[in-house]
Amino acid sequence: MTNETETRPVRNTKGVGRRVLIVVLAVVLVLVFLTGSLVVTRQDEYTVIKQFGAVVRVIDQAGPSLKIPFIQTTQRIPRTLMLYDLEVSDVITSDKKSMIADCFVTWRVTDPYLFIESLSANISNAEVRINTVVYNSLKTTISSMTQEEVISGRDGRLAEAILANCDDTFARYGMDVTAVETKTLDMPSENKAAVYERMISEREKIAAEYKANGEYAAQVKRNDADKEVEILLSEANALATVTRAEGDAEYMRILSEAYDSAEKAEFYTFMISLDAARNSLQGTDKTLILNESSPLASLFYDN
């Protein structure tokens, strides 16, 4: 038998591996390039594009955008309403009364360029600036008001005055402070007792004044009522006097008519005598005893 040598093709595995590696590297480079160039901006933020430390543009619309990878970098700045709580501080009113103020501020970034230029887009730097400006405004505002004005100004007037005192300071930093509110505005513990006593004394004084005014008004009404009663009684007495006079006049007229002739006078006298006799016969005993000289006896005697 003859042994034949079989010839088999030999594959170049090194070349294939090199091509695969190149493809993989290319894909990785593409992914790195896309990742480095893609910028996604959220609704609640600004995206600042910088090139060699200088601001190139600011993206204020939510969505994807592109930048040059490896050359340009991004920085995020919040555009939502933020809250900063000031430290509790002592303030003095214009009438030299000490008070303790605890305030907070709501603010937002309105101009990213100014914010970066003045505060390096650093929230901590912004809060330090807010603390300084608002605290100075708080002291200036309260020092121009009495303690009573400060307390009564808690309806919003005090906050408006503090904010107005800040002028346009925050606009220079690309910020807008929307509100300055006081959580507590109280007196030191050692002053509360004296203040409460003074307030009680003032309220008692006001109550006494109201009571005095009420008593005066009541006395005026009583005097008016008494005067009106006197007038009514006087008018009633005058009317009664007139009525009695008219009655007496009518009585005299009737009496005059009864005596205007002898016959009428005799008949009138007879009727009066009968009435007197009837009035004398009271009870069960109907016996009438008369003296001959009595006017009633003449009724039973024939003259």
Protein backbone atom coordinates (compact mmCIF):
# COMPACT_ATOMS: atom_id res chain seq x y z
CA MET A 1 0.00 0.00 0.00
CA THR A 2 1.09 3.44 -0.72
CA ASN A 3 0.70 6.02 2.17
CA GLU A 4 -0.62 9.27 0.74
CA THR A 5 -0.14 12.46 2.66
CA GLU A 6 -3.37 14.50 2.89
CA THR A 7 -2.91 18.26 2.54
CA ARG A 8 -5.30 20.40 4.73
CA PRO A 9 -5.74 24.25 4.44
CA VAL A 10 -4.24 26.20 7.34
CA ARG A 11 -6.33 29.21 8.54
CA ASN A 12 -4.66 32.53 9.44
CA THR A 13 -6.17 32.98 12.96
CA LYS A 14 -3.98 35.94 13.73
CA GLY A 15 -5.46 38.00 10.90
CA VAL A 16 -9.04 37.23 11.92
CA GLY A 17 -8.40 38.12 15.54
CA ARG A 18 -6.82 41.39 14.47
CA ARG A 19 -9.86 42.36 12.42
CA VAL A 20 -12.25 41.53 15.27
CA LEU A 21 -10.18 43.59 17.66
CA ILE A 22 -10.22 46.55 15.26
CA VAL A 23 -14.03 46.32 14.96
CA VAL A 24 -14.44 46.14 18.71
CA LEU A 25 -12.13 49.11 19.22
CA ALA A 26 -13.99 51.06 16.58
CA VAL A 27 -17.33 50.36 18.27
CA VAL A 28 -15.90 51.34 21.65
CA LEU A 29 -14.50 54.56 20.18
CA VAL A 30 -17.86 55.36 18.59
CA LEU A 31 -19.66 54.72 21.89
CA VAL A 32 -17.14 56.82 23.77
CA PHE A 33 -17.50 59.58 21.19
CA LEU A 34 -21.29 59.49 21.36
CA THR A 35 -21.27 59.34 25.14
CA GLY A 36 -18.86 62.23 25.36
CA SER A 37 -20.79 64.35 22.87
CA LEU A 38 -24.36 63.68 24.04
CA VAL A 39 -25.82 66.08 26.61
CA VAL A 40 -29.24 65.52 28.17
CA THR A 41 -30.80 68.53 29.91
CA ARG A 42 -33.61 67.98 32.42
CA GLN A 43 -36.58 70.31 32.92
CA ASP A 44 -35.38 71.51 36.33
CA GLU A 45 -31.84 72.54 35.39
CA TYR A 46 -29.58 74.60 33.17
CA THR A 47 -26.74 72.87 31.34
CA VAL A 48 -23.64 75.02 30.92
CA ILE A 49 -21.22 74.05 28.11
CA LYS A 50 -17.62 75.11 28.80
CA GLN A 51 -14.56 74.96 26.60
CA PHE A 52 -11.19 75.32 28.28
CA GLY A 53 -13.00 76.82 31.32
CA ALA A 54 -14.89 79.47 29.34
CA VAL A 55 -18.67 79.36 28.97
CA VAL A 56 -19.59 78.57 25.37
CA ARG A 57 -23.35 78.31 25.71
CA VAL A 58 -26.13 77.62 28.19
CA ILE A 59 -28.88 75.11 27.41
CA ASP A 60 -32.16 76.04 29.09
CA GLN A 61 -34.49 73.76 27.14
CA ALA A 62 -35.09 70.18 28.28
CA GLY A 63 -33.91 67.48 25.90
CA PRO A 64 -30.78 66.05 24.24
CA SER A 65 -28.04 68.13 22.60
CA LEU A 66 -24.43 67.71 21.48
CA LYS A 67 -21.02 68.99 22.51
CA ILE A 68 -17.47 68.40 21.39
CA PRO A 69 -16.14 65.45 23.39
CA PHE A 70 -12.91 65.74 25.36
CA ILE A 71 -12.74 69.46 24.60
CA GLN A 72 -16.01 70.74 25.99
CA THR A 73 -17.33 69.96 29.49
CA THR A 74 -20.74 70.42 31.14
CA GLN A 75 -21.92 71.90 34.42
CA ARG A 76 -25.43 71.61 35.90
CA ILE A 77 -27.19 74.52 37.59
CA PRO A 78 -30.62 73.98 39.23
CA ARG A 79 -33.41 76.21 37.92
CA THR A 80 -36.05 75.18 40.48
CA LEU A 81 -37.22 77.28 43.42
CA MET A 82 -34.81 76.65 46.29
CA LEU A 83 -35.08 77.33 50.02
CA TYR A 84 -32.40 78.71 52.30
CA ASP A 85 -32.89 78.78 56.08
CA LEU A 86 -31.10 81.66 57.80
CA GLU A 87 -29.60 81.24 61.22
CA VAL A 88 -31.57 82.53 64.21
CA SER A 89 -30.42 86.07 64.98
CA ASP A 90 -31.00 88.87 67.49
CA VAL A 91 -32.38 92.17 66.21
CA ILE A 92 -33.13 95.50 67.92
CA THR A 93 -36.23 97.61 67.22
CA SER A 94 -36.28 101.41 67.02
CA ASP A 95 -37.64 101.56 70.60
CA LYS A 96 -34.62 99.53 71.77
CA LYS A 97 -36.48 96.25 72.25
CA SER A 98 -34.58 93.03 71.58
CA MET A 99 -36.24 90.37 69.41
CA ILE A 100 -35.23 86.97 68.06
CA ALA A 101 -35.83 86.40 64.32
CA ASP A 102 -35.84 83.06 62.52
CA CYS A 103 -36.28 83.52 58.76
CA PHE A 104 -36.10 81.56 55.52
CA VAL A 105 -35.67 82.64 51.89
CA THR A 106 -36.97 81.19 48.62
CA TRP A 107 -34.83 81.89 45.57
CA ARG A 108 -33.89 80.70 42.08
CA VAL A 109 -31.21 81.21 39.43
CA THR A 110 -32.47 83.47 36.63
CA ASP A 111 -29.26 84.28 34.71
CA PRO A 112 -26.77 81.39 34.54
CA TYR A 113 -24.06 83.57 32.93
CA LEU A 114 -24.05 86.07 35.81
CA PHE A 115 -24.39 83.25 38.32
CA ILE A 116 -21.26 81.58 36.96
CA GLU A 117 -19.33 84.82 36.57
CA SER A 118 -20.04 86.17 40.05
CA LEU A 119 -20.45 83.03 42.18
CA SER A 120 -18.78 80.31 40.08
CA ALA A 121 -22.19 78.59 39.86
CA ASN A 122 -21.67 77.42 43.42
CA ILE A 123 -24.86 77.04 45.50
CA SER A 124 -22.91 77.40 48.75
CA ASN A 125 -21.46 80.72 47.57
CA ALA A 126 -24.96 81.87 46.65
CA GLU A 127 -26.34 80.95 50.08
CA VAL A 128 -23.52 82.86 51.80
CA ARG A 129 -24.39 85.93 49.73
CA ILE A 130 -28.12 85.50 50.49
CA ASN A 131 -27.41 85.16 54.20
CA THR A 132 -25.35 88.37 54.27
CA VAL A 133 -27.74 90.52 52.24
CA VAL A 134 -30.99 89.32 53.86
CA TYR A 135 -29.58 89.51 57.39
CA ASN A 136 -28.44 93.12 56.84
CA SER A 137 -31.83 93.99 55.34
CA LEU A 138 -33.60 92.31 58.27
CA LYS A 139 -31.61 94.31 60.84
CA THR A 140 -32.05 97.59 58.93
CA THR A 141 -35.80 97.10 58.49
CA ILE A 142 -36.56 96.09 62.08
CA SER A 143 -34.30 98.80 63.51
CA SER A 144 -36.53 101.39 61.80
CA MET A 145 -39.73 99.96 63.35
CA THR A 146 -41.10 99.82 66.86
CA GLN A 147 -41.76 96.46 68.48
CA GLU A 148 -45.50 96.94 68.07
CA GLU A 149 -45.06 97.72 64.37
CA VAL A 150 -42.90 94.64 63.91
CA ILE A 151 -45.48 92.38 65.57
CA SER A 152 -48.39 93.90 63.64
CA GLY A 153 -46.35 93.65 60.42
CA ARG A 154 -46.44 89.85 60.53
CA ASP A 155 -49.38 90.01 58.09
CA GLY A 156 -46.91 90.37 55.20
CA ARG A 157 -45.84 94.01 55.44
CA LEU A 158 -42.62 93.14 57.30
CA ALA A 159 -41.58 90.55 54.69
CA GLU A 160 -42.28 93.02 51.89
CA ALA A 161 -40.19 95.70 53.61
CA ILE A 162 -37.25 93.30 54.13
CA LEU A 163 -37.36 92.21 50.48
CA ALA A 164 -37.63 95.81 49.25
CA ASN A 165 -34.56 96.73 51.33
CA CYS A 166 -32.50 94.22 49.33
CA ASP A 167 -32.95 96.43 46.23
CA ASP A 168 -31.51 94.81 43.09
CA THR A 169 -28.57 93.22 44.89
CA PHE A 170 -29.44 89.66 43.86
CA ALA A 171 -29.97 90.57 40.20
CA ARG A 172 -26.24 91.30 39.95
CA TYR A 173 -25.57 87.67 40.86
CA GLY A 174 -28.07 86.22 38.39
CA MET A 175 -30.47 85.30 41.19
CA ASP A 176 -34.01 86.22 42.16
CA VAL A 177 -35.16 86.09 45.80
CA THR A 178 -38.92 85.59 45.59
CA ALA A 179 -39.79 85.79 49.30
CA VAL A 180 -38.39 86.41 52.75
CA GLU A 181 -40.58 84.90 55.46
CA THR A 182 -40.23 84.81 59.25
CA LYS A 183 -40.90 81.44 60.90
CA THR A 184 -40.73 82.95 64.38
CA LEU A 185 -40.31 86.51 65.58
CA ASP A 186 -40.27 86.47 69.35
CA MET A 187 -38.85 88.25 72.35
CA PRO A 188 -36.05 86.93 74.52
CA SER A 189 -37.30 84.87 77.45
CA GLU A 190 -36.09 87.39 80.03
CA ASN A 191 -38.18 90.15 78.40
CA LYS A 192 -41.40 88.24 77.92
CA ALA A 193 -42.74 88.68 81.47
CA ALA A 194 -42.28 92.46 81.41
CA VAL A 195 -43.80 92.73 77.95
CA TYR A 196 -46.77 90.56 78.89
CA GLU A 197 -47.38 92.70 81.99
CA ARG A 198 -47.25 95.86 79.88
CA MET A 199 -49.64 94.33 77.35
CA ILE A 200 -52.03 93.30 80.12
CA SER A 201 -51.86 96.82 81.59
CA GLU A 202 -52.57 98.35 78.20
CA ARG A 203 -55.51 96.01 77.61
CA GLU A 204 -56.91 96.81 81.05
CA LYS A 205 -56.58 100.50 80.27
CA ILE A 206 -58.42 100.03 77.00
CA ALA A 207 -61.10 97.96 78.77
CA ALA A 208 -61.54 100.68 81.42
CA GLU A 209 -61.87 103.29 78.69
CA TYR A 210 -64.50 101.19 76.91
CA LYS A 211 -66.35 100.71 80.21
CA ALA A 212 -66.27 104.45 80.98
CA ASN A 213 -67.54 105.26 77.49
CA GLY A 214 -70.28 102.67 77.91
CA GLU A 215 -71.36 104.04 81.28
CA TYR A 216 -71.38 107.59 79.89
CA ALA A 217 -73.51 106.51 76.93
CA ALA A 218 -75.85 104.62 79.28
CA GLN A 219 -76.20 107.69 81.53
CA VAL A 220 -76.98 109.88 78.53
CA LYS A 221 -79.67 107.44 77.44
CA ARG A 222 -81.09 107.28 80.98
CA ASN A 223 -81.16 111.09 81.16
CA ASP A 224 -82.90 111.26 77.80
CA ALA A 225 -85.42 108.64 78.92
CA ASP A 226 -86.09 110.43 82.23
CA LYS A 227 -86.52 113.71 80.38
CA GLU A 228 -88.93 112.10 77.93
CA VAL A 229 -90.89 110.56 80.82
CA GLU A 230 -91.15 113.97 82.53
CA ILE A 231 -92.36 115.53 79.30
CA LEU A 232 -94.96 112.77 78.82
CA LEU A 233 -96.12 113.08 82.45
CA SER A 234 -96.34 116.86 82.14
CA GLU A 235 -98.36 116.55 78.95
CA ALA A 236 -100.58 113.89 80.57
CA ASN A 237 -101.17 116.07 83.66
CA ALA A 238 -101.95 119.05 81.47
CA LEU A 239 -104.41 116.96 79.47
CA ALA A 240 -105.95 115.61 82.69
CA THR A 241 -106.35 119.15 84.05
CA VAL A 242 -108.02 120.25 80.83
CA THR A 243 -110.27 117.17 80.87
CA ARG A 244 -111.26 117.78 84.53
CA ALA A 245 -111.95 121.41 83.79
CA GLU A 246 -114.12 120.43 80.85
CA GLY A 247 -115.92 117.88 83.05
CA ASP A 248 -116.49 120.45 85.76
CA ALA A 249 -117.79 122.92 83.19
CA GLU A 250 -120.11 120.29 81.79
CA TYR A 251 -121.25 119.45 85.33
CA MET A 252 -121.99 123.11 86.05
CA ARG A 253 -123.84 123.42 82.75
CA ILE A 254 -126.02 120.40 83.54
CA LEU A 255 -126.60 121.69 87.08
CA SER A 256 -127.48 125.09 85.74
CA GLU A 257 -129.97 123.56 83.34
CA ALA A 258 -131.46 121.55 86.25
CA TYR A 259 -132.04 124.75 88.28
CA ASP A 260 -133.07 127.12 85.51
CA SER A 261 -136.78 126.92 86.67
CA ALA A 262 -138.59 126.26 89.97
CA GLU A 263 -140.24 123.10 88.68
CA LYS A 264 -136.91 121.62 87.48
CA ALA A 265 -135.23 122.63 90.70
CA GLU A 266 -137.96 120.99 92.75
CA PHE A 267 -137.88 117.83 90.64
CA TYR A 268 -134.08 117.72 90.85
CA THR A 269 -134.20 118.11 94.60
CA PHE A 270 -136.86 115.39 94.79
CA MET A 271 -134.69 112.98 92.77
CA ILE A 272 -131.63 113.67 94.90
CA SER A 273 -133.67 113.07 98.05
CA LEU A 274 -134.95 109.75 96.71
CA ASP A 275 -131.41 108.64 95.87
CA ALA A 276 -130.31 109.58 99.39
CA ALA A 277 -133.22 107.67 100.91
CA ARG A 278 -132.47 104.58 98.77
CA ASN A 279 -128.83 104.65 99.73
CA SER A 280 -129.82 104.83 103.41
CA LEU A 281 -131.92 101.66 103.22
CA GLN A 282 -129.11 99.05 103.33
CA GLY A 283 -129.25 95.46 104.59
CA THR A 284 -132.39 93.58 105.67
CA ASP A 285 -133.78 96.39 107.86
CA LYS A 286 -135.87 98.64 105.63
CA THR A 287 -136.96 101.04 108.38
CA LEU A 288 -136.04 104.70 107.85
CA ILE A 289 -136.28 107.01 110.84
CA LEU A 290 -136.14 110.73 110.03
CA ASN A 291 -136.29 113.92 112.01
CA GLU A 292 -139.00 116.35 110.98
CA SER A 293 -136.31 118.90 110.23
CA SER A 294 -134.46 116.49 107.88
CA PRO A 295 -134.62 117.38 104.17
CA LEU A 296 -135.64 113.78 103.48
CA ALA A 297 -138.66 114.12 105.76
CA SER A 298 -140.12 116.68 103.41
CA LEU A 299 -140.65 113.91 100.87
CA PHE A 300 -143.28 112.36 103.09
CA TYR A 301 -145.02 115.50 104.30
CA ASP A 302 -147.45 117.51 102.34
CA ASN A 303 -146.42 121.10 102.48
